[in-house]
C-alpha atoms as a PDB file:
ATOM      1  CA  MET A   1     142.908  53.881 129.922  1.00  0.00           C
ATOM      2  CA  THR A   2     142.029  57.239 131.123  1.00  0.00           C
ATOM      3  CA  SER A   3     138.730  58.779 130.265  1.00  0.00           C
ATOM      4  CA  THR A   4     139.888  61.196 128.039  1.00  0.00           C
ATOM      5  CA  ALA A   5     141.526  58.888 125.570  1.00  0.00           C
ATOM      6  CA  SER A   6     138.325  56.008 125.471  1.00  0.00           C
ATOM      7  CA  LYS A   7     136.825  58.824 124.869  1.00  0.00           C
ATOM      8  CA  LEU A   8     138.194  60.128 121.944  1.00  0.00           C
ATOM      9  CA  VAL A   9     138.775  56.277 120.939  1.00  0.00           C
ATOM     10  CA  ARG A  10     135.106  56.142 120.953  1.00  0.00           C
ATOM     11  CA  TYR A  11     134.800  58.799 118.915  1.00  0.00           C
ATOM     12  CA  ALA A  12     137.689  57.460 116.476  1.00  0.00           C
ATOM     13  CA  GLY A  13     135.215  54.320 116.560  1.00  0.00           C
ATOM     14  CA  ILE A  14     131.815  55.853 115.679  1.00  0.00           C
ATOM     15  CA  THR A  15     133.640  58.287 112.210  1.00  0.00           C
ATOM     16  CA  LEU A  16     135.278  55.435 111.301  1.00  0.00           C
ATOM     17  CA  GLY A  17     132.065  53.547 110.988  1.00  0.00           C
ATOM     18  CA  LEU A  18     130.241  56.872 110.026  1.00  0.00           C
ATOM     19  CA  GLY A  19     132.085  56.114 107.203  1.00  0.00           C
ATOM     20  CA  VAL A  20     132.520  52.914 106.210  1.00  0.00           C
ATOM     21  CA  ALA A  21     128.383  52.570 105.883  1.00  0.00           C
ATOM     22  CA  SER A  22     128.367  56.065 103.761  1.00  0.00           C
ATOM     23  CA  ALA A  23     130.507  54.396 101.841  1.00  0.00           C
ATOM     24  CA  ALA A  24     128.650  51.572 101.268  1.00  0.00           C
ATOM     25  CA  SER A  25     126.100  53.316 100.747  1.00  0.00           C
ATOM     26  CA  LEU A  26     126.664  54.729  97.904  1.00  0.00           C
ATOM     27  CA  TYR A  27     128.152  51.992  96.209  1.00  0.00           C
ATOM     28  CA  ALA A  28     124.961  50.278  96.908  1.00  0.00           C
ATOM     29  CA  GLY A  29     123.458  53.586  95.207  1.00  0.00           C
ATOM     30  CA  GLY A  30     126.071  53.855  92.862  1.00  0.00           C
ATOM     31  CA  THR A  31     125.488  50.049  91.580  1.00  0.00           C
ATOM     32  CA  TRP A  32     121.258  50.133  92.035  1.00  0.00           C
ATOM     33  CA  ALA A  33     121.860  53.009  89.290  1.00  0.00           C
ATOM     34  CA  ARG A  34     124.226  51.490  86.685  1.00  0.00           C
ATOM     35  CA  LYS A  35     121.006  49.024  86.329  1.00  0.00           C
ATOM     36  CA  ARG A  36     118.573  51.463  85.816  1.00  0.00           C
ATOM     37  CA  PRO A  37     118.598  52.032  82.389  1.00  0.00           C
ATOM     38  CA  ARG A  38     115.730  54.869  80.348  1.00  0.00           C
ATOM     39  CA  VAL A  39     115.145  55.788  76.928  1.00  0.00           C
ATOM     40  CA  GLU A  40     115.753  59.763  76.020  1.00  0.00           C
ATOM     41  CA  VAL A  41     113.636  60.839  73.317  1.00  0.00           C
ATOM     42  CA  ARG A  42     113.921  64.115  71.047  1.00  0.00           C
ATOM     43  CA  ARG A  43     112.651  65.590  68.667  1.00  0.00           C
ATOM     44  CA  TRP A  44     114.046  67.983  65.807  1.00  0.00           C
ATOM     45  CA  HIS A  45     112.042  68.961  62.564  1.00  0.00           C
ATOM     46  CA  THR A  46     115.069  69.967  60.787  1.00  0.00           C
ATOM     47  CA  GLY A  47     112.804  70.014  57.033  1.00  0.00           C
ATOM     48  CA  LYS A  48     115.424  68.391  55.046  1.00  0.00           C
ATOM     49  CA  LEU A  49     113.396  65.370  55.566  1.00  0.00           C
ATOM     50  CA  SER A  50     110.527  64.577  52.828  1.00  0.00           C
ATOM     51  CA  THR A  51     109.312  60.879  55.789  1.00  0.00           C
ATOM     52  CA  PRO A  52     110.278  60.935  58.697  1.00  0.00           C
ATOM     53  CA  LEU A  53     113.231  59.394  60.934  1.00  0.00           C
ATOM     54  CA  LYS A  54     113.349  57.308  64.133  1.00  0.00           C
ATOM     55  CA  VAL A  55     116.625  56.940  64.507  1.00  0.00           C
ATOM     56  CA  LEU A  56     118.119  55.207  67.776  1.00  0.00           C
ATOM     57  CA  HIS A  57     121.397  55.753  69.251  1.00  0.00           C
ATOM     58  CA  VAL A  58     122.873  52.633  71.280  1.00  0.00           C
ATOM     59  CA  ALA A  59     126.781  54.199  72.717  1.00  0.00           C
ATOM     60  CA  ASP A  60     128.943  52.155  75.218  1.00  0.00           C
ATOM     61  CA  PRO A  61     127.375  48.788  76.212  1.00  0.00           C
ATOM     62  CA  HIS A  62     130.670  47.705  77.789  1.00  0.00           C
ATOM     63  CA  LEU A  63     128.340  44.329  78.498  1.00  0.00           C
ATOM     64  CA  GLY A  64     129.686  42.342  81.470  1.00  0.00           C
ATOM     65  CA  LYS A  65     129.795  38.562  81.696  1.00  0.00           C
ATOM     66  CA  SER A  66     126.412  39.389  83.549  1.00  0.00           C
ATOM     67  CA  ASP A  67     124.973  41.881  82.873  1.00  0.00           C
ATOM     68  CA  GLN A  68     122.144  40.403  81.699  1.00  0.00           C
ATOM     69  CA  TRP A  69     119.546  42.618  82.637  1.00  0.00           C
ATOM     70  CA  LEU A  70     121.584  45.363  80.387  1.00  0.00           C
ATOM     71  CA  LYS A  71     121.419  42.746  77.249  1.00  0.00           C
ATOM     72  CA  ALA A  72     117.269  42.474  77.801  1.00  0.00           C
ATOM     73  CA  PHE A  73     117.268  46.092  77.579  1.00  0.00           C
ATOM     74  CA  MET A  74     119.198  46.109  74.619  1.00  0.00           C
ATOM     75  CA  GLN A  75     116.635  43.285  73.682  1.00  0.00           C
ATOM     76  CA  SER A  76     113.852  44.622  74.046  1.00  0.00           C
ATOM     77  CA  LEU A  77     115.013  48.324  72.223  1.00  0.00           C
ATOM     78  CA  ALA A  78     113.744  46.544  68.668  1.00  0.00           C
ATOM     79  CA  ALA A  79     110.022  47.018  70.132  1.00  0.00           C
ATOM     80  CA  LEU A  80     110.325  51.454  68.981  1.00  0.00           C
ATOM     81  CA  ASP A  81     110.374  50.502  65.833  1.00  0.00           C
ATOM     82  CA  PRO A  82     113.208  52.259  64.716  1.00  0.00           C
ATOM     83  CA  ASP A  83     113.703  53.341  61.499  1.00  0.00           C
ATOM     84  CA  LEU A  84     117.889  53.681  61.399  1.00  0.00           C
ATOM     85  CA  VAL A  85     119.441  52.236  64.224  1.00  0.00           C
ATOM     86  CA  VAL A  86     123.424  53.551  65.372  1.00  0.00           C
ATOM     87  CA  SER A  87     125.728  51.920  67.627  1.00  0.00           C
ATOM     88  CA  THR A  88     129.495  54.432  68.199  1.00  0.00           C
ATOM     89  CA  GLY A  89     131.572  51.217  70.172  1.00  0.00           C
ATOM     90  CA  ASP A  90     132.531  50.074  72.975  1.00  0.00           C
ATOM     91  CA  ASN A  91     131.164  47.198  73.142  1.00  0.00           C
ATOM     92  CA  PHE A  92     132.789  44.248  75.292  1.00  0.00           C
ATOM     93  CA  GLY A  93     133.514  44.960  78.999  1.00  0.00           C
ATOM     94  CA  ASP A  94     135.049  41.810  78.873  1.00  0.00           C
ATOM     95  CA  VAL A  95     136.910  39.469  77.433  1.00  0.00           C
ATOM     96  CA  GLY A  96     134.526  35.463  76.082  1.00  0.00           C
ATOM     97  CA  VAL A  97     130.596  38.162  75.703  1.00  0.00           C
ATOM     98  CA  VAL A  98     130.273  37.567  71.957  1.00  0.00           C
ATOM     99  CA  GLU A  99     127.735  36.251  71.591  1.00  0.00           C
ATOM    100  CA  ASP A 100     126.130  37.676  74.369  1.00  0.00           C
ATOM    101  CA  LEU A 101     126.276  40.861  72.559  1.00  0.00           C
ATOM    102  CA  LYS A 102     125.673  38.349  69.443  1.00  0.00           C
ATOM    103  CA  GLU A 103     122.630  38.469  70.973  1.00  0.00           C
ATOM    104  CA  ALA A 104     122.225  41.221  72.709  1.00  0.00           C
ATOM    105  CA  TYR A 105     121.938  43.627  68.590  1.00  0.00           C
ATOM    106  CA  ALA A 106     120.047  40.379  67.217  1.00  0.00           C
ATOM    107  CA  PRO A 107     116.920  42.179  67.693  1.00  0.00           C
ATOM    108  CA  LEU A 108     117.844  45.586  66.500  1.00  0.00           C
ATOM    109  CA  LEU A 109     118.986  43.317  62.839  1.00  0.00           C
ATOM    110  CA  GLN A 110     116.170  43.391  62.019  1.00  0.00           C
ATOM    111  CA  PHE A 111     116.290  47.643  61.062  1.00  0.00           C
ATOM    112  CA  PRO A 112     118.796  49.134  58.999  1.00  0.00           C
ATOM    113  CA  GLY A 113     122.251  50.204  60.740  1.00  0.00           C
ATOM    114  CA  VAL A 114     125.447  51.828  61.268  1.00  0.00           C
ATOM    115  CA  PHE A 115     128.088  51.267  63.473  1.00  0.00           C
ATOM    116  CA  VAL A 116     131.754  53.005  64.810  1.00  0.00           C
ATOM    117  CA  TYR A 117     133.764  51.172  67.094  1.00  0.00           C
ATOM    118  CA  GLY A 118     136.124  52.192  70.351  1.00  0.00           C
ATOM    119  CA  SER A 119     139.154  51.351  71.983  1.00  0.00           C
ATOM    120  CA  ASN A 120     136.889  48.627  74.154  1.00  0.00           C
ATOM    121  CA  ASP A 121     136.413  46.317  70.565  1.00  0.00           C
ATOM    122  CA  TYR A 122     139.397  45.937  69.962  1.00  0.00           C
ATOM    123  CA  TYR A 123     141.466  45.969  73.854  1.00  0.00           C
ATOM    124  CA  SER A 124     139.897  43.934  76.511  1.00  0.00           C
ATOM    125  CA  PRO A 125     139.511  46.776  79.608  1.00  0.00           C
ATOM    126  CA  LYS A 126     142.380  46.755  81.570  1.00  0.00           C
ATOM    127  CA  PRO A 127     142.348  48.656  85.331  1.00  0.00           C
ATOM    128  CA  LYS A 128     143.544  52.214  85.461  1.00  0.00           C
ATOM    129  CA  ALA A 129     144.531  55.076  87.926  1.00  0.00           C
ATOM    130  CA  TRP A 130     141.985  57.439  88.205  1.00  0.00           C
ATOM    131  CA  TYR A 131     144.558  60.522  88.120  1.00  0.00           C
ATOM    132  CA  ARG A 132     144.606  59.792  84.577  1.00  0.00           C
ATOM    133  CA  TYR A 133     140.488  60.531  83.713  1.00  0.00           C
ATOM    134  CA  LEU A 134     141.365  63.928  85.623  1.00  0.00           C
ATOM    135  CA  PHE A 135     145.325  65.198  83.702  1.00  0.00           C
ATOM    136  CA  PRO A 136     144.306  63.541  79.878  1.00  0.00           C
ATOM    137  CA  HIS A 137     147.700  64.688  78.825  1.00  0.00           C
ATOM    138  CA  LEU A 138     149.480  62.174  80.764  1.00  0.00           C
ATOM    139  CA  PRO A 139     150.587  59.577  78.652  1.00  0.00           C
ATOM    140  CA  ALA A 140     148.939  56.309  78.607  1.00  0.00           C
ATOM    141  CA  PRO A 141     150.488  52.720  78.671  1.00  0.00           C
ATOM    142  CA  LYS A 142     149.829  51.997  74.303  1.00  0.00           C
ATOM    143  CA  ARG A 143     148.478  48.487  72.945  1.00  0.00           C
ATOM    144  CA  ASN A 144     149.150  47.299  69.550  1.00  0.00           C
ATOM    145  CA  VAL A 145     147.802  44.540  69.922  1.00  0.00           C
ATOM    146  CA  PRO A 146     143.825  43.480  70.246  1.00  0.00           C
ATOM    147  CA  ASP A 147     142.947  40.302  72.685  1.00  0.00           C
ATOM    148  CA  LEU A 148     139.014  41.571  71.964  1.00  0.00           C
ATOM    149  CA  PRO A 149     137.318  39.506  68.719  1.00  0.00           C
ATOM    150  CA  TYR A 150     136.377  42.385  67.099  1.00  0.00           C
ATOM    151  CA  GLN A 151     136.054  41.397  64.177  1.00  0.00           C
ATOM    152  CA  GLU A 152     133.793  38.204  64.653  1.00  0.00           C
ATOM    153  CA  LEU A 153     130.989  40.957  65.938  1.00  0.00           C
ATOM    154  CA  THR A 154     131.604  42.620  62.588  1.00  0.00           C
ATOM    155  CA  ASP A 155     131.023  40.342  60.235  1.00  0.00           C
ATOM    156  CA  PHE A 156     127.837  39.145  62.910  1.00  0.00           C
ATOM    157  CA  LEU A 157     126.337  42.442  62.422  1.00  0.00           C
ATOM    158  CA  THR A 158     127.386  43.361  58.864  1.00  0.00           C
ATOM    159  CA  SER A 159     126.298  40.083  56.836  1.00  0.00           C
ATOM    160  CA  ALA A 160     123.152  41.211  58.904  1.00  0.00           C
ATOM    161  CA  GLY A 161     123.060  44.051  55.638  1.00  0.00           C
ATOM    162  CA  TRP A 162     124.353  46.742  58.942  1.00  0.00           C
ATOM    163  CA  SER A 163     127.602  48.768  57.209  1.00  0.00           C
ATOM    164  CA  GLU A 164     130.994  49.577  59.583  1.00  0.00           C
ATOM    165  CA  LEU A 165     131.284  52.368  58.870  1.00  0.00           C
ATOM    166  CA  TYR A 166     135.664  52.572  59.660  1.00  0.00           C
ATOM    167  CA  ASN A 167     136.612  56.777  57.999  1.00  0.00           C
ATOM    168  CA  ARG A 168     134.151  56.213  55.906  1.00  0.00           C
ATOM    169  CA  THR A 169     130.910  57.404  54.286  1.00  0.00           C
ATOM    170  CA  GLN A 170     127.736  54.978  53.613  1.00  0.00           C
ATOM    171  CA  VAL A 171     124.599  56.097  51.765  1.00  0.00           C
ATOM    172  CA  LEU A 172     121.111  54.873  52.890  1.00  0.00           C
ATOM    173  CA  ASP A 173     118.353  54.758  50.513  1.00  0.00           C
ATOM    174  CA  PHE A 174     114.866  55.799  53.029  1.00  0.00           C
ATOM    175  CA  SER A 175     111.107  55.241  51.559  1.00  0.00           C
ATOM    176  CA  GLY A 176     110.577  58.701  49.110  1.00  0.00           C
ATOM    177  CA  GLY A 177     113.980  58.289  47.712  1.00  0.00           C
ATOM    178  CA  MET A 178     114.547  60.326  50.796  1.00  0.00           C
ATOM    179  CA  LYS A 179     118.651  59.597  51.372  1.00  0.00           C
ATOM    180  CA  VAL A 180     120.585  59.689  54.356  1.00  0.00           C
ATOM    181  CA  SER A 181     124.807  59.794  53.740  1.00  0.00           C
ATOM    182  CA  VAL A 182     125.805  58.283  57.503  1.00  0.00           C
ATOM    183  CA  THR A 183     130.209  59.543  58.057  1.00  0.00           C
ATOM    184  CA  GLY A 184     131.465  57.780  60.111  1.00  0.00           C
ATOM    185  CA  THR A 185     134.886  57.722  61.897  1.00  0.00           C
ATOM    186  CA  ALA A 186     137.976  55.233  63.728  1.00  0.00           C
ATOM    187  CA  ASP A 187     138.052  55.869  67.849  1.00  0.00           C
ATOM    188  CA  ALA A 188     139.741  59.062  67.443  1.00  0.00           C
ATOM    189  CA  HIS A 189     140.861  57.964  71.856  1.00  0.00           C
ATOM    190  CA  ILE A 190     142.574  55.455  70.147  1.00  0.00           C
ATOM    191  CA  LYS A 191     144.305  58.119  67.345  1.00  0.00           C
ATOM    192  CA  ARG A 192     142.827  55.476  64.875  1.00  0.00           C
ATOM    193  CA  ASP A 193     140.865  58.394  62.337  1.00  0.00           C
ATOM    194  CA  ARG A 194     141.592  59.458  59.407  1.00  0.00           C
ATOM    195  CA  LEU A 195     140.160  62.715  58.318  1.00  0.00           C
ATOM    196  CA  ALA A 196     141.925  63.231  55.529  1.00  0.00           C
ATOM    197  CA  GLU A 197     139.864  60.047  54.043  1.00  0.00           C
ATOM    198  CA  LEU A 198     136.733  61.704  53.826  1.00  0.00           C
ATOM    199  CA  GLY A 199     135.712  63.424  51.510  1.00  0.00           C
ATOM    200  CA  PRO A 200     133.809  65.931  50.973  1.00  0.00           C
ATOM    201  CA  LEU A 201     130.622  64.704  51.389  1.00  0.00           C
ATOM    202  CA  PRO A 202     127.418  62.829  48.794  1.00  0.00           C
ATOM    203  CA  GLN A 203     125.320  64.170  47.341  1.00  0.00           C
ATOM    204  CA  ALA A 204     121.697  63.602  49.525  1.00  0.00           C
ATOM    205  CA  ASP A 205     118.942  65.500  51.160  1.00  0.00           C
ATOM    206  CA  PHE A 206     120.192  64.442  55.026  1.00  0.00           C
ATOM    207  CA  HIS A 207     123.955  64.727  56.776  1.00  0.00           C
ATOM    208  CA  LEU A 208     124.899  62.705  59.937  1.00  0.00           C
ATOM    209  CA  GLY A 209     128.201  62.135  61.356  1.00  0.00           C
ATOM    210  CA  VAL A 210     128.926  58.972  63.629  1.00  0.00           C
ATOM    211  CA  THR A 211     132.122  58.868  65.809  1.00  0.00           C
ATOM    212  CA  HIS A 212     132.880  57.488  69.441  1.00  0.00           C
ATOM    213  CA  ALA A 213     134.951  59.944  71.029  1.00  0.00           C
ATOM    214  CA  PRO A 214     133.839  63.325  70.432  1.00  0.00           C
ATOM    215  CA  TYR A 215     137.200  65.507  70.413  1.00  0.00           C
ATOM    216  CA  GLN A 216     137.225  68.789  68.685  1.00  0.00           C
ATOM    217  CA  ARG A 217     139.074  67.615  65.402  1.00  0.00           C
ATOM    218  CA  ILE A 218     136.130  65.472  64.850  1.00  0.00           C
ATOM    219  CA  LEU A 219     133.271  68.093  65.249  1.00  0.00           C
ATOM    220  CA  ASN A 220     135.175  70.402  63.874  1.00  0.00           C
ATOM    221  CA  ALA A 221     136.131  68.687  59.918  1.00  0.00           C
ATOM    222  CA  PHE A 222     132.115  67.915  60.384  1.00  0.00           C
ATOM    223  CA  ARG A 223     130.902  70.682  60.678  1.00  0.00           C
ATOM    224  CA  ASP A 224     133.119  71.566  58.134  1.00  0.00           C
ATOM    225  CA  ARG A 225     131.681  69.490  55.862  1.00  0.00           C
ATOM    226  CA  LYS A 226     128.087  69.977  56.231  1.00  0.00           C
ATOM    227  CA  VAL A 227     126.981  67.262  58.454  1.00  0.00           C
ATOM    228  CA  ASP A 228     123.216  68.009  60.128  1.00  0.00           C
ATOM    229  CA  LEU A 229     124.038  66.208  62.199  1.00  0.00           C
ATOM    230  CA  THR A 230     126.082  63.737  64.653  1.00  0.00           C
ATOM    231  CA  PHE A 231     126.774  61.121  67.165  1.00  0.00           C
ATOM    232  CA  ALA A 232     128.999  60.503  69.181  1.00  0.00           C
ATOM    233  CA  GLY A 233     129.459  57.981  72.941  1.00  0.00           C
ATOM    234  CA  HIS A 234     133.009  57.252  74.787  1.00  0.00           C
ATOM    235  CA  THR A 235     131.924  59.825  77.750  1.00  0.00           C
ATOM    236  CA  HIS A 236     129.559  58.212  79.732  1.00  0.00           C
ATOM    237  CA  GLY A 237     128.558  60.993  80.329  1.00  0.00           C
ATOM    238  CA  GLY A 238     130.915  62.054  82.868  1.00  0.00           C
ATOM    239  CA  GLN A 239     129.444  59.000  85.057  1.00  0.00           C
ATOM    240  CA  PHE A 240     130.408  60.789  88.185  1.00  0.00           C
ATOM    241  CA  CYS A 241     127.480  63.416  87.742  1.00  0.00           C
ATOM    242  CA  LEU A 242     126.574  66.125  90.775  1.00  0.00           C
ATOM    243  CA  PRO A 243     123.135  65.866  92.418  1.00  0.00           C
ATOM    244  CA  ASN A 244     122.420  68.502  89.245  1.00  0.00           C
ATOM    245  CA  GLY A 245     124.175  67.028  86.738  1.00  0.00           C
ATOM    246  CA  GLU A 246     127.483  68.512  85.608  1.00  0.00           C
ATOM    247  CA  ALA A 247     129.457  66.282  85.080  1.00  0.00           C
ATOM    248  CA  LEU A 248     133.340  65.712  86.675  1.00  0.00           C
ATOM    249  CA  VAL A 249     135.214  64.737  83.251  1.00  0.00           C
ATOM    250  CA  THR A 250     134.502  64.268  79.719  1.00  0.00           C
ATOM    251  CA  ASN A 251     137.465  61.386  79.023  1.00  0.00           C
ATOM    252  CA  CYS A 252     138.203  63.647  75.927  1.00  0.00           C
ATOM    253  CA  ASP A 253     138.933  67.780  75.306  1.00  0.00           C
ATOM    254  CA  LEU A 254     135.460  69.042  75.135  1.00  0.00           C
ATOM    255  CA  PRO A 255     134.273  71.180  78.573  1.00  0.00           C
ATOM    256  CA  ARG A 256     131.895  69.268  81.139  1.00  0.00           C
ATOM    257  CA  PRO A 257     129.056  70.897  80.347  1.00  0.00           C
ATOM    258  CA  LEU A 258     129.186  69.496  76.802  1.00  0.00           C
ATOM    259  CA  ALA A 259     130.113  66.019  78.470  1.00  0.00           C
ATOM    260  CA  SER A 260     126.635  64.536  76.946  1.00  0.00           C
ATOM    261  CA  GLY A 261     122.778  65.589  75.829  1.00  0.00           C
ATOM    262  CA  ALA A 262     122.512  67.597  72.267  1.00  0.00           C
ATOM    263  CA  PHE A 263     124.470  71.323  71.400  1.00  0.00           C
ATOM    264  CA  ASP A 264     124.697  72.915  68.258  1.00  0.00           C
ATOM    265  CA  TRP A 265     128.917  72.948  67.808  1.00  0.00           C
ATOM    266  CA  LEU A 266     129.673  76.545  65.861  1.00  0.00           C
ATOM    267  CA  PRO A 267     132.957  77.365  64.145  1.00  0.00           C
ATOM    268  CA  ALA A 268     134.622  79.798  66.956  1.00  0.00           C
ATOM    269  CA  GLN A 269     137.692  81.221  66.452  1.00  0.00           C
ATOM    270  CA  GLU A 270     140.970  79.498  66.788  1.00  0.00           C
ATOM    271  CA  GLY A 271     142.006  78.481  70.394  1.00  0.00           C
ATOM    272  CA  GLU A 272     137.675  79.339  71.176  1.00  0.00           C
ATOM    273  CA  LEU A 273     134.835  76.516  71.350  1.00  0.00           C
ATOM    274  CA  ALA A 274     131.528  78.281  69.725  1.00  0.00           C
ATOM    275  CA  PHE A 275     128.202  75.724  72.058  1.00  0.00           C
ATOM    276  CA  VAL A 276     124.660  76.521  72.822  1.00  0.00           C
ATOM    277  CA  CYS A 277     123.629  73.277  74.221  1.00  0.00           C
ATOM    278  CA  HIS A 278     119.867  72.077  74.124  1.00  0.00           C
ATOM    279  CA  PRO A 279     118.952  70.589  77.582  1.00  0.00           C
ATOM    280  CA  GLU A 280     115.138  69.086  76.475  1.00  0.00           C
ATOM    281  CA  SER A 281     114.448  66.303  76.155  1.00  0.00           C
ATOM    282  CA  ALA A 282     111.985  63.324  77.011  1.00  0.00           C
ATOM    283  CA  SER A 283     113.338  60.323  79.678  1.00  0.00           C
ATOM    284  CA  LEU A 284     111.359  57.159  79.661  1.00  0.00           C
ATOM    285  CA  PRO A 285     112.781  54.727  82.283  1.00  0.00           C
ATOM    286  CA  VAL A 286     110.592  51.702  80.659  1.00  0.00           C
ATOM    287  CA  GLY A 287     112.494  48.989  81.256  1.00  0.00           C
ATOM    288  CA  ALA A 288     112.903  45.532  79.596  1.00  0.00           C
ATOM    289  CA  ASP A 289     109.421  45.727  78.836  1.00  0.00           C
ATOM    290  CA  LEU A 290     107.575  45.547  75.983  1.00  0.00           C
ATOM    291  CA  GLY A 291     104.808  46.519  76.299  1.00  0.00           C
ATOM    292  CA  ALA A 292     105.306  50.020  78.412  1.00  0.00           C
ATOM    293  CA  PHE A 293     107.856  50.453  75.030  1.00  0.00           C
ATOM    294  CA  ARG A 294     105.061  50.669  72.556  1.00  0.00           C
ATOM    295  CA  GLU A 295     103.220  53.075  75.224  1.00  0.00           C
ATOM    296  CA  ALA A 296     105.610  54.788  75.563  1.00  0.00           C
ATOM    297  CA  LEU A 297     106.377  55.502  71.673  1.00  0.00           C
ATOM    298  CA  GLU A 298     103.038  56.409  71.573  1.00  0.00           C
ATOM    299  CA  ALA A 299     103.537  58.631  73.665  1.00  0.00           C
ATOM    300  CA  ALA A 300     106.114  60.491  72.333  1.00  0.00           C
ATOM    301  CA  THR A 301     104.788  60.893  69.104  1.00  0.00           C
ATOM    302  CA  GLY A 302     102.693  63.480  71.513  1.00  0.00           C
ATOM    303  CA  SER A 303     103.718  66.540  71.098  1.00  0.00           C
ATOM    304  CA  SER A 304     104.373  66.538  75.394  1.00  0.00           C
ATOM    305  CA  VAL A 305     108.190  65.606  73.875  1.00  0.00           C
ATOM    306  CA  PRO A 306     110.141  69.002  73.971  1.00  0.00           C
ATOM    307  CA  SER A 307     112.039  69.858  70.262  1.00  0.00           C
ATOM    308  CA  VAL A 308     115.096  71.404  70.094  1.00  0.00           C
ATOM    309  CA  PRO A 309     115.118  74.109  67.807  1.00  0.00           C
ATOM    310  CA  ASP A 310     114.552  73.477  63.896  1.00  0.00           C
ATOM    311  CA  LEU A 311     116.577  76.180  62.643  1.00  0.00           C
ATOM    312  CA  LEU A 312     120.827  76.076  62.893  1.00  0.00           C
ATOM    313  CA  PRO A 313     123.250  79.035  63.817  1.00  0.00           C
ATOM    314  CA  GLN A 314     124.902  80.080  60.393  1.00  0.00           C
ATOM    315  CA  GLY A 315     128.160  77.038  59.893  1.00  0.00           C
ATOM    316  CA  ALA A 316     126.533  75.434  63.186  1.00  0.00           C
ATOM    317  CA  MET A 317     125.961  71.654  63.158  1.00  0.00           C
ATOM    318  CA  ARG A 318     123.903  70.170  65.740  1.00  0.00           C
ATOM    319  CA  VAL A 319     125.562  67.360  68.027  1.00  0.00           C
ATOM    320  CA  TYR A 320     124.212  64.840  70.448  1.00  0.00           C
ATOM    321  CA  ILE A 321     126.206  62.482  73.312  1.00  0.00           C
ATOM    322  CA  SER A 322     124.821  60.186  74.991  1.00  0.00           C
ATOM    323  CA  PRO A 323     125.953  58.784  78.668  1.00  0.00           C
ATOM    324  CA  GLY A 324     125.874  55.743  77.183  1.00  0.00           C
ATOM    325  CA  LEU A 325     124.684  52.702  78.270  1.00  0.00           C
ATOM    326  CA  GLY A 326     127.514  50.658  80.683  1.00  0.00           C
ATOM    327  CA  THR A 327     130.611  51.119  82.532  1.00  0.00           C
ATOM    328  CA  SER A 328     133.917  49.207  83.019  1.00  0.00           C
ATOM    329  CA  LYS A 329     133.888  46.702  84.862  1.00  0.00           C
ATOM    330  CA  PHE A 330     136.353  48.175  87.181  1.00  0.00           C
ATOM    331  CA  ALA A 331     134.537  51.227  88.068  1.00  0.00           C
ATOM    332  CA  PRO A 332     130.089  49.564  87.227  1.00  0.00           C
ATOM    333  CA  LEU A 333     128.569  52.754  89.359  1.00  0.00           C
ATOM    334  CA  ARG A 334     127.102  56.384  88.146  1.00  0.00           C
ATOM    335  CA  PHE A 335     125.932  59.082  90.485  1.00  0.00           C
ATOM    336  CA  PHE A 336     123.451  61.294  88.377  1.00  0.00           C
ATOM    337  CA  CYS A 337     123.812  59.662  85.291  1.00  0.00           C
ATOM    338  CA  PRO A 338     121.539  56.327  84.466  1.00  0.00           C
ATOM    339  CA  PRO A 339     122.320  54.747  81.456  1.00  0.00           C
ATOM    340  CA  THR A 340     120.731  55.500  77.708  1.00  0.00           C
ATOM    341  CA  ALA A 341     119.127  54.711  75.050  1.00  0.00           C
ATOM    342  CA  THR A 342     118.686  57.288  72.305  1.00  0.00           C
ATOM    343  CA  LEU A 343     115.441  57.814  70.181  1.00  0.00           C
ATOM    344  CA  TRP A 344     115.704  60.920  67.709  1.00  0.00           C
ATOM    345  CA  LEU A 345     112.508  62.093  66.056  1.00  0.00           C
ATOM    346  CA  LEU A 346     113.451  64.168  62.774  1.00  0.00           C
ATOM    347  CA  SER A 347     110.881  65.325  60.381  1.00  0.00           C
END
């Protein structure tokens, strides 16, 4: 072998080695990040509630057989002592985890709760070609027969008093006679939403919307019904984000700036979008330490927690999309998008 050829082989080997090392580092970093959950805290003085309301939003656990860290984190969320728990679905990360899910939710069942489901509450995860996230209009393989024990999980949650909001509205009573209506839809991502079945909102002091996948048709329907605040998940906050937190995909028809966080969804001309983002929040990486949760909650009630604007623009609805807690078992990584549960302090 000539000297030049030897150098080329050596340089190629170095380049390949650096590439493999970089890929391994990225994978290790993404795996590490997915196991570092946080609690995000947001405050909103709505002016409509006679007593303060703490709402805990849990989204997209995708709980797998080996995710004991996530089960422990979900259990420890009970230390936040919420007035209401909202779960927006995609609980199953694998088959054979329904008992783990029951254990994860059990401490939260002492509080009032509502829930909707996503596709991964009915259908077990399957490998998906990565390019489908970049080209969402491509036809996807259809699955019509659920293979997950969603009914067993439903029975467990409803037997504790939680309400399944499958294209319907529930009115919840709180202290002081305060009434909050909660309207939910089935998963729009698999076209189970039935907006015509919702009807007008009932009389209540405050109106919440709950859905799994925040498609524009869902947000428009909730806004037109005068919902005040909508919770959604599904997007995973993009899961793979740029260092500035910008999502690469949303896995629905929202633009990438709305992949996670709070924003106001405004009326707009047909074919246009109108929204105002509210990026301010307090992040509490408290892990599963109950004492740390109590300290975090005490800090969260102080003035250090940023507030979203009190007043909504005329005809607008406030929306919060959670980055979620889990990942698909076929992509167990997160980049610049930590797993998140969210506590809303409403007053």
